[in-house]
């Protein structure tokens, strides 16, 4: 089966990623939003009180994996030290990918 067919038929998943390091004040949220939209994902990204950035994204496993790879490096000014990742079943609650807070 061609890759495009696999992506269309693959069940959607959700990731919740908490990205640690120098990730606030460097354009991380907006760059993450752009990358997620390029990948056709839906969800949110927001700064957390502890200095990390939280990403909740839903889509095909292949596309989520591509986002996770990107999260480990982030935009040019970011210094990512750790990505905590949880995978769940998608809820379908998102219509787009938004920057929150």
Protein backbone atom coordinates (compact mmCIF):
# COMPACT_ATOMS: atom_id res chain seq x y z
CA UNK A 1 0.00 0.00 0.00
CA UNK A 2 1.47 3.44 -0.89
CA UNK A 3 2.53 5.70 1.98
CA UNK A 4 -0.32 8.16 1.33
CA UNK A 5 -2.83 5.34 1.67
CA UNK A 6 -1.27 4.26 4.96
CA UNK A 7 -1.47 7.79 6.34
CA UNK A 8 -5.14 8.11 5.40
CA UNK A 9 -6.09 4.81 6.97
CA UNK A 10 -3.85 5.00 10.07
CA UNK A 11 -5.74 5.69 13.28
CA UNK A 12 -5.21 9.15 14.69
CA UNK A 13 -3.19 9.53 17.84
CA UNK A 14 -2.50 12.29 20.32
CA UNK A 15 0.80 13.33 21.80
CA UNK A 16 1.33 15.49 24.83
CA UNK A 17 4.88 16.80 24.89
CA UNK A 18 6.51 18.93 27.56
CA UNK A 19 9.62 20.56 26.11
CA UNK A 20 12.29 21.70 28.59
CA UNK A 21 15.31 23.96 28.21
CA UNK A 22 15.63 27.50 26.90
CA UNK A 23 12.29 27.35 25.07
CA UNK A 24 10.41 30.47 26.15
CA UNK A 25 11.11 33.85 24.61
CA UNK A 26 12.71 32.33 21.51
CA UNK A 27 9.67 31.97 19.21
CA UNK A 28 9.19 28.30 20.07
CA UNK A 29 5.38 28.36 20.21
CA UNK A 30 4.96 30.09 16.86
CA UNK A 31 7.58 27.92 15.16
CA UNK A 32 5.91 24.80 16.60
CA UNK A 33 2.56 26.01 15.32
CA UNK A 34 4.01 26.55 11.84
CA UNK A 35 5.64 23.09 11.79
CA UNK A 36 2.44 21.41 13.04
CA UNK A 37 0.36 23.16 10.38
CA UNK A 38 2.86 22.12 7.69
CA UNK A 39 2.38 18.54 8.88
CA UNK A 40 -1.43 18.83 8.87
CA UNK A 41 -1.73 18.36 12.63
CA UNK A 42 -4.28 19.84 15.01
CA UNK A 43 -3.81 20.88 18.62
CA UNK A 44 -2.30 23.56 20.84
CA UNK A 45 1.01 24.87 22.11
CA UNK A 46 1.48 26.98 25.24
CA UNK A 47 4.05 28.21 27.72
CA UNK A 48 3.95 26.61 31.14
CA UNK A 49 4.66 28.30 34.49
CA UNK A 50 7.82 26.23 34.98
CA UNK A 51 9.53 27.60 31.84
CA UNK A 52 8.70 24.64 29.61
CA UNK A 53 6.45 24.54 26.56
CA UNK A 54 3.54 22.09 26.28
CA UNK A 55 2.44 20.74 22.91
CA UNK A 56 -0.77 18.76 22.46
CA UNK A 57 -1.13 17.49 18.90
CA UNK A 58 -3.35 15.03 17.05
CA UNK A 59 -2.89 13.37 13.68
CA UNK A 60 -1.40 10.35 12.01
CA UNK A 61 1.44 8.57 13.83
CA UNK A 62 3.94 9.35 11.01
CA UNK A 63 3.22 13.08 11.16
CA UNK A 64 3.28 13.15 14.95
CA UNK A 65 6.67 11.42 14.86
CA UNK A 66 7.94 14.15 12.50
CA UNK A 67 6.74 16.82 14.95
CA UNK A 68 8.41 15.03 17.87
CA UNK A 69 11.71 14.96 15.96
CA UNK A 70 11.35 18.71 15.37
CA UNK A 71 10.52 19.34 19.06
CA UNK A 72 13.88 17.86 20.07
CA UNK A 73 15.64 20.73 18.28
CA UNK A 74 13.05 23.52 18.04
CA UNK A 75 13.67 26.86 16.32
CA UNK A 76 17.22 28.26 15.92
CA UNK A 77 17.39 30.20 19.23
CA UNK A 78 15.98 27.36 21.38
CA UNK A 79 18.09 25.01 23.45
CA UNK A 80 16.05 21.87 24.11
CA UNK A 81 17.34 19.75 26.99
CA UNK A 82 14.47 17.25 27.35
CA UNK A 83 11.16 16.27 25.76
CA UNK A 84 8.71 14.36 27.97
CA UNK A 85 6.25 12.52 25.73
CA UNK A 86 2.92 10.82 26.32
CA UNK A 87 0.89 9.11 23.57
CA UNK A 88 -2.87 8.70 23.77
CA UNK A 89 -5.82 8.03 21.55
CA UNK A 90 -6.98 11.16 19.69
CA UNK A 91 -10.15 12.87 20.91
CA UNK A 92 -10.84 14.92 17.78
CA UNK A 93 -11.48 18.05 19.85
CA UNK A 94 -9.25 20.37 17.78
CA UNK A 95 -10.18 22.15 14.54
CA UNK A 96 -6.76 23.69 13.88
CA UNK A 97 -3.41 24.22 15.62
CA UNK A 98 -3.43 27.20 17.97
CA UNK A 99 -0.97 29.08 20.14
CA UNK A 100 -2.49 29.51 23.60
CA UNK A 101 -1.51 32.01 26.27
